[in-house]
Amino acid sequence: KSETPVLVDFWAEWCAPCKAMGPALEAVSEDMAGKVKIAKVNIDEAPDTPMRYHIRNVPTMMIFKGGEVVSTKMGAMTKTKLAEWLSEHA
């Protein structure tokens, strides 16, 4: 229910694009500290959560604001694209 936008990255250990996005997510988290929160959900460790949000592919990222999903993106993104997308909601 945070008013600060929360990016949730749904990923899996076996997913190469998910792993490739790790450094970009960390960099954006540092660059946008205080404006955005970033959380990661391993779909293999929390199988009910992806079903709840109808996630069929990983990586899938969702931005939540006030507990509601305001935007969703599927697939790997560069740091630049990720920052641009987050800036639209921060």
Protein backbone atom coordinates (compact mmCIF):
# COMPACT_ATOMS: atom_id res chain seq x y z
CA LYS A 1 0.00 0.00 0.00
CA SER A 2 3.05 2.27 -0.36
CA GLU A 3 2.51 5.63 -2.02
CA THR A 4 6.11 5.39 -3.19
CA PRO A 5 6.06 3.34 -6.41
CA VAL A 6 7.21 -0.24 -5.87
CA LEU A 7 8.70 -2.18 -8.77
CA VAL A 8 8.27 -5.91 -8.28
CA ASP A 9 10.51 -8.08 -10.43
CA PHE A 10 9.10 -11.58 -10.89
CA TRP A 11 12.04 -13.80 -11.80
CA ALA A 12 13.42 -17.33 -11.60
CA GLU A 13 16.88 -18.76 -10.94
CA TRP A 14 16.81 -20.70 -14.23
CA CYS A 15 15.92 -17.61 -16.30
CA ALA A 16 18.97 -16.15 -18.11
CA PRO A 17 17.26 -12.83 -19.04
CA CYS A 18 16.19 -12.46 -15.39
CA LYS A 19 19.78 -12.85 -14.22
CA ALA A 20 21.02 -10.47 -16.92
CA MET A 21 18.67 -7.76 -15.60
CA GLY A 22 20.05 -7.97 -12.05
CA PRO A 23 22.76 -5.31 -12.48
CA ALA A 24 20.36 -2.91 -14.22
CA LEU A 25 17.82 -3.28 -11.41
CA GLU A 26 20.50 -2.66 -8.78
CA ALA A 27 21.81 0.42 -10.61
CA VAL A 28 18.33 1.89 -11.04
CA SER A 29 17.55 1.16 -7.39
CA GLU A 30 20.61 3.20 -6.36
CA ASP A 31 19.94 5.99 -8.89
CA MET A 32 16.29 6.35 -7.85
CA ALA A 33 16.71 5.77 -4.11
CA GLY A 34 13.88 7.46 -2.22
CA LYS A 35 11.72 7.75 -5.35
CA VAL A 36 11.11 4.05 -6.00
CA LYS A 37 11.33 0.80 -4.09
CA ILE A 38 12.42 -2.39 -5.85
CA ALA A 39 11.49 -5.90 -4.73
CA LYS A 40 12.21 -9.27 -6.30
CA VAL A 41 9.92 -12.30 -6.15
CA ASN A 42 11.34 -15.69 -7.11
CA ILE A 43 8.38 -17.41 -8.76
CA ASP A 44 9.69 -20.86 -7.79
CA GLU A 45 9.78 -19.92 -4.09
CA ALA A 46 6.40 -18.13 -4.11
CA PRO A 47 4.28 -19.96 -6.73
CA ASP A 48 0.96 -18.50 -5.55
CA THR A 49 2.04 -14.90 -6.16
CA PRO A 50 2.56 -15.17 -9.96
CA MET A 51 -0.77 -16.99 -10.28
CA ARG A 52 -2.47 -14.15 -8.39
CA TYR A 53 -1.15 -11.61 -10.92
CA HIS A 54 -1.55 -13.87 -13.98
CA ILE A 55 2.18 -13.94 -14.74
CA ARG A 56 2.98 -16.34 -17.55
CA ASN A 57 6.53 -15.28 -18.49
CA VAL A 58 9.63 -14.16 -16.65
CA PRO A 59 10.99 -11.67 -16.25
CA THR A 60 7.80 -9.75 -15.64
CA MET A 61 7.91 -6.46 -13.77
CA MET A 62 5.00 -4.64 -12.23
CA ILE A 63 4.85 -1.19 -10.71
CA PHE A 64 2.51 -0.89 -7.74
CA LYS A 65 1.24 2.37 -6.29
CA GLY A 66 -1.02 2.39 -3.26
CA GLY A 67 -1.29 -1.40 -3.50
CA GLU A 68 -2.57 -1.35 -7.08
CA VAL A 69 -0.76 -2.41 -10.26
CA VAL A 70 -0.27 0.71 -12.40
CA SER A 71 2.00 -0.74 -15.09
CA THR A 72 3.38 -4.09 -16.28
CA LYS A 73 6.27 -4.97 -18.57
CA MET A 74 7.40 -8.41 -19.71
CA GLY A 75 10.87 -9.31 -20.88
CA ALA A 76 14.33 -8.01 -20.15
CA MET A 77 14.98 -4.28 -20.29
CA THR A 78 18.12 -2.16 -20.40
CA LYS A 79 18.95 0.13 -17.50
CA THR A 80 17.95 3.14 -19.63
CA LYS A 81 14.54 1.71 -20.58
CA LEU A 82 13.93 0.59 -17.01
CA ALA A 83 14.74 4.06 -15.66
CA GLU A 84 12.51 5.74 -18.27
CA TRP A 85 9.61 3.43 -17.41
CA LEU A 86 10.03 4.00 -13.67
CA SER A 87 10.32 7.76 -14.14
CA GLU A 88 6.83 7.79 -15.66
CA HIS A 89 5.47 6.55 -12.32
CA ALA A 90 7.85 8.09 -9.76
